[in-house]
Amino acid sequence: MVFVHGESYFWGTGNAYDGTILASYGDVVVVTLNYRLGVF
């Protein structure tokens, strides 16, 4: 499963989400992406 966070400018990282619970219940590998929307 690829998880792309959508928290606009407040939480700018995928590290705020813990994928261990989802991985254990869903028997999947969770991959989070970090990206930037602007200069800051």
PDB file of N, CA and C in Angstrom:
ATOM      1  N   MET A   1       0.845  -1.158   0.000  1.00  0.00           N
ATOM      2  CA  MET A   1       0.000   0.000   0.000  1.00  0.00           C
ATOM      3  C   MET A   1       0.896   1.228   0.000  1.00  0.00           C
ATOM      4  N   VAL A   2       0.592   2.183  -0.844  1.00  0.00           N
ATOM      5  CA  VAL A   2       1.312   3.459  -0.870  1.00  0.00           C
ATOM      6  C   VAL A   2       0.398   4.506  -0.268  1.00  0.00           C
ATOM      7  N   PHE A   3       0.869   5.190   0.779  1.00  0.00           N
ATOM      8  CA  PHE A   3       0.074   6.191   1.476  1.00  0.00           C
ATOM      9  C   PHE A   3       0.682   7.560   1.228  1.00  0.00           C
ATOM     10  N   VAL A   4      -0.085   8.447   0.613  1.00  0.00           N
ATOM     11  CA  VAL A   4       0.356   9.820   0.373  1.00  0.00           C
ATOM     12  C   VAL A   4      -0.445  10.713   1.303  1.00  0.00           C
ATOM     13  N   HIS A   5       0.251  11.387   2.210  1.00  0.00           N
ATOM     14  CA  HIS A   5      -0.446  12.226   3.191  1.00  0.00           C
ATOM     15  C   HIS A   5      -1.043  13.442   2.505  1.00  0.00           C
ATOM     16  N   GLY A   6      -2.106  13.968   3.073  1.00  0.00           N
ATOM     17  CA  GLY A   6      -2.776  15.127   2.489  1.00  0.00           C
ATOM     18  C   GLY A   6      -3.054  16.198   3.510  1.00  0.00           C
ATOM     19  N   GLU A   7      -2.082  16.560   4.285  1.00  0.00           N
ATOM     20  CA  GLU A   7      -2.292  17.524   5.369  1.00  0.00           C
ATOM     21  C   GLU A   7      -1.871  18.934   4.998  1.00  0.00           C
ATOM     22  N   SER A   8      -1.876  19.287   3.770  1.00  0.00           N
ATOM     23  CA  SER A   8      -1.536  20.612   3.241  1.00  0.00           C
ATOM     24  C   SER A   8      -0.234  21.124   3.830  1.00  0.00           C
ATOM     25  N   TYR A   9      -0.259  22.267   4.497  1.00  0.00           N
ATOM     26  CA  TYR A   9       0.985  22.849   5.014  1.00  0.00           C
ATOM     27  C   TYR A   9       1.154  22.666   6.518  1.00  0.00           C
ATOM     28  N   PHE A  10       0.187  22.053   7.201  1.00  0.00           N
ATOM     29  CA  PHE A  10       0.268  21.914   8.654  1.00  0.00           C
ATOM     30  C   PHE A  10       1.205  20.781   9.050  1.00  0.00           C
ATOM     31  N   TRP A  11       0.981  19.594   8.555  1.00  0.00           N
ATOM     32  CA  TRP A  11       1.884  18.459   8.758  1.00  0.00           C
ATOM     33  C   TRP A  11       2.521  18.175   7.413  1.00  0.00           C
ATOM     34  N   GLY A  12       3.764  18.534   7.242  1.00  0.00           N
ATOM     35  CA  GLY A  12       4.392  18.405   5.938  1.00  0.00           C
ATOM     36  C   GLY A  12       5.189  17.131   5.760  1.00  0.00           C
ATOM     37  N   THR A  13       4.854  16.071   6.462  1.00  0.00           N
ATOM     38  CA  THR A  13       5.644  14.856   6.358  1.00  0.00           C
ATOM     39  C   THR A  13       4.777  13.623   6.533  1.00  0.00           C
ATOM     40  N   GLY A  14       5.196  12.543   5.926  1.00  0.00           N
ATOM     41  CA  GLY A  14       4.518  11.269   6.113  1.00  0.00           C
ATOM     42  C   GLY A  14       4.941  10.567   7.382  1.00  0.00           C
ATOM     43  N   ASN A  15       5.967  11.089   8.058  1.00  0.00           N
ATOM     44  CA  ASN A  15       6.448  10.467   9.291  1.00  0.00           C
ATOM     45  C   ASN A  15       5.474  10.625  10.452  1.00  0.00           C
ATOM     46  N   ALA A  16       4.507  11.515  10.332  1.00  0.00           N
ATOM     47  CA  ALA A  16       3.526  11.714  11.402  1.00  0.00           C
ATOM     48  C   ALA A  16       2.551  10.549  11.496  1.00  0.00           C
ATOM     49  N   TYR A  17       2.537   9.683  10.507  1.00  0.00           N
ATOM     50  CA  TYR A  17       1.617   8.551  10.467  1.00  0.00           C
ATOM     51  C   TYR A  17       2.371   7.261  10.740  1.00  0.00           C
ATOM     52  N   ASP A  18       1.844   6.476  11.656  1.00  0.00           N
ATOM     53  CA  ASP A  18       2.458   5.199  12.005  1.00  0.00           C
ATOM     54  C   ASP A  18       1.753   4.098  11.223  1.00  0.00           C
ATOM     55  N   GLY A  19       2.459   3.470  10.314  1.00  0.00           N
ATOM     56  CA  GLY A  19       1.856   2.450   9.471  1.00  0.00           C
ATOM     57  C   GLY A  19       1.919   1.049  10.035  1.00  0.00           C
ATOM     58  N   THR A  20       2.456   0.877  11.257  1.00  0.00           N
ATOM     59  CA  THR A  20       2.603  -0.470  11.815  1.00  0.00           C
ATOM     60  C   THR A  20       1.257  -1.113  12.124  1.00  0.00           C
ATOM     61  N   ILE A  21       0.301  -0.349  12.598  1.00  0.00           N
ATOM     62  CA  ILE A  21      -1.027  -0.896  12.903  1.00  0.00           C
ATOM     63  C   ILE A  21      -1.711  -1.349  11.617  1.00  0.00           C
ATOM     64  N   LEU A  22      -1.672  -0.505  10.604  1.00  0.00           N
ATOM     65  CA  LEU A  22      -2.288  -0.852   9.326  1.00  0.00           C
ATOM     66  C   LEU A  22      -1.603  -2.055   8.695  1.00  0.00           C
ATOM     67  N   ALA A  23      -0.300  -2.125   8.813  1.00  0.00           N
ATOM     68  CA  ALA A  23       0.438  -3.253   8.238  1.00  0.00           C
ATOM     69  C   ALA A  23       0.118  -4.552   8.956  1.00  0.00           C
ATOM     70  N   SER A  24      -0.074  -4.496  10.264  1.00  0.00           N
ATOM     71  CA  SER A  24      -0.348  -5.726  11.010  1.00  0.00           C
ATOM     72  C   SER A  24      -1.774  -6.228  10.779  1.00  0.00           C
ATOM     73  N   TYR A  25      -2.740  -5.317  10.689  1.00  0.00           N
ATOM     74  CA  TYR A  25      -4.125  -5.740  10.469  1.00  0.00           C
ATOM     75  C   TYR A  25      -4.391  -6.101   9.015  1.00  0.00           C
ATOM     76  N   GLY A  26      -3.789  -5.387   8.090  1.00  0.00           N
ATOM     77  CA  GLY A  26      -4.065  -5.609   6.680  1.00  0.00           C
ATOM     78  C   GLY A  26      -3.092  -6.548   6.005  1.00  0.00           C
ATOM     79  N   ASP A  27      -2.049  -6.975   6.725  1.00  0.00           N
ATOM     80  CA  ASP A  27      -1.024  -7.861   6.174  1.00  0.00           C
ATOM     81  C   ASP A  27      -0.445  -7.277   4.885  1.00  0.00           C
ATOM     82  N   VAL A  28      -0.066  -5.995   4.941  1.00  0.00           N
ATOM     83  CA  VAL A  28       0.493  -5.284   3.792  1.00  0.00           C
ATOM     84  C   VAL A  28       1.774  -4.571   4.210  1.00  0.00           C
ATOM     85  N   VAL A  29       2.522  -4.107   3.249  1.00  0.00           N
ATOM     86  CA  VAL A  29       3.683  -3.244   3.482  1.00  0.00           C
ATOM     87  C   VAL A  29       3.233  -1.819   3.210  1.00  0.00           C
ATOM     88  N   VAL A  30       3.420  -0.933   4.180  1.00  0.00           N
ATOM     89  CA  VAL A  30       2.991   0.455   4.047  1.00  0.00           C
ATOM     90  C   VAL A  30       4.195   1.311   3.667  1.00  0.00           C
ATOM     91  N   VAL A  31       4.060   2.069   2.585  1.00  0.00           N
ATOM     92  CA  VAL A  31       5.112   2.976   2.119  1.00  0.00           C
ATOM     93  C   VAL A  31       4.548   4.385   2.165  1.00  0.00           C
ATOM     94  N   THR A  32       5.236   5.299   2.865  1.00  0.00           N
ATOM     95  CA  THR A  32       4.811   6.694   2.913  1.00  0.00           C
ATOM     96  C   THR A  32       5.764   7.533   2.078  1.00  0.00           C
ATOM     97  N   LEU A  33       5.234   8.575   1.476  1.00  0.00           N
ATOM     98  CA  LEU A  33       6.019   9.468   0.634  1.00  0.00           C
ATOM     99  C   LEU A  33       6.100  10.841   1.263  1.00  0.00           C
ATOM    100  N   ASN A  34       7.240  11.484   1.131  1.00  0.00           N
ATOM    101  CA  ASN A  34       7.404  12.876   1.534  1.00  0.00           C
ATOM    102  C   ASN A  34       7.560  13.717   0.276  1.00  0.00           C
ATOM    103  N   TYR A  35       6.840  14.813   0.224  1.00  0.00           N
ATOM    104  CA  TYR A  35       6.925  15.699  -0.930  1.00  0.00           C
ATOM    105  C   TYR A  35       6.701  17.125  -0.467  1.00  0.00           C
ATOM    106  N   ARG A  36       7.090  18.078  -1.275  1.00  0.00           N
ATOM    107  CA  ARG A  36       6.926  19.490  -0.946  1.00  0.00           C
ATOM    108  C   ARG A  36       6.005  20.140  -1.968  1.00  0.00           C
ATOM    109  N   LEU A  37       5.165  21.044  -1.466  1.00  0.00           N
ATOM    110  CA  LEU A  37       4.222  21.722  -2.343  1.00  0.00           C
ATOM    111  C   LEU A  37       4.692  23.108  -2.765  1.00  0.00           C
ATOM    112  N   GLY A  38       5.621  23.685  -2.007  1.00  0.00           N
ATOM    113  CA  GLY A  38       6.066  25.038  -2.317  1.00  0.00           C
ATOM    114  C   GLY A  38       7.521  25.241  -1.942  1.00  0.00           C
ATOM    115  N   VAL A  39       7.934  26.476  -1.940  1.00  0.00           N
ATOM    116  CA  VAL A  39       9.314  26.819  -1.634  1.00  0.00           C
ATOM    117  C   VAL A  39       9.614  26.600  -0.165  1.00  0.00           C
ATOM    118  N   PHE A  40       8.680  26.922   0.715  1.00  0.00           N
ATOM    119  CA  PHE A  40       8.912  26.805   2.155  1.00  0.00           C
ATOM    120  C   PHE A  40       8.431  25.480   2.599  1.00  0.00           C
TER     121      PHE A  40
END
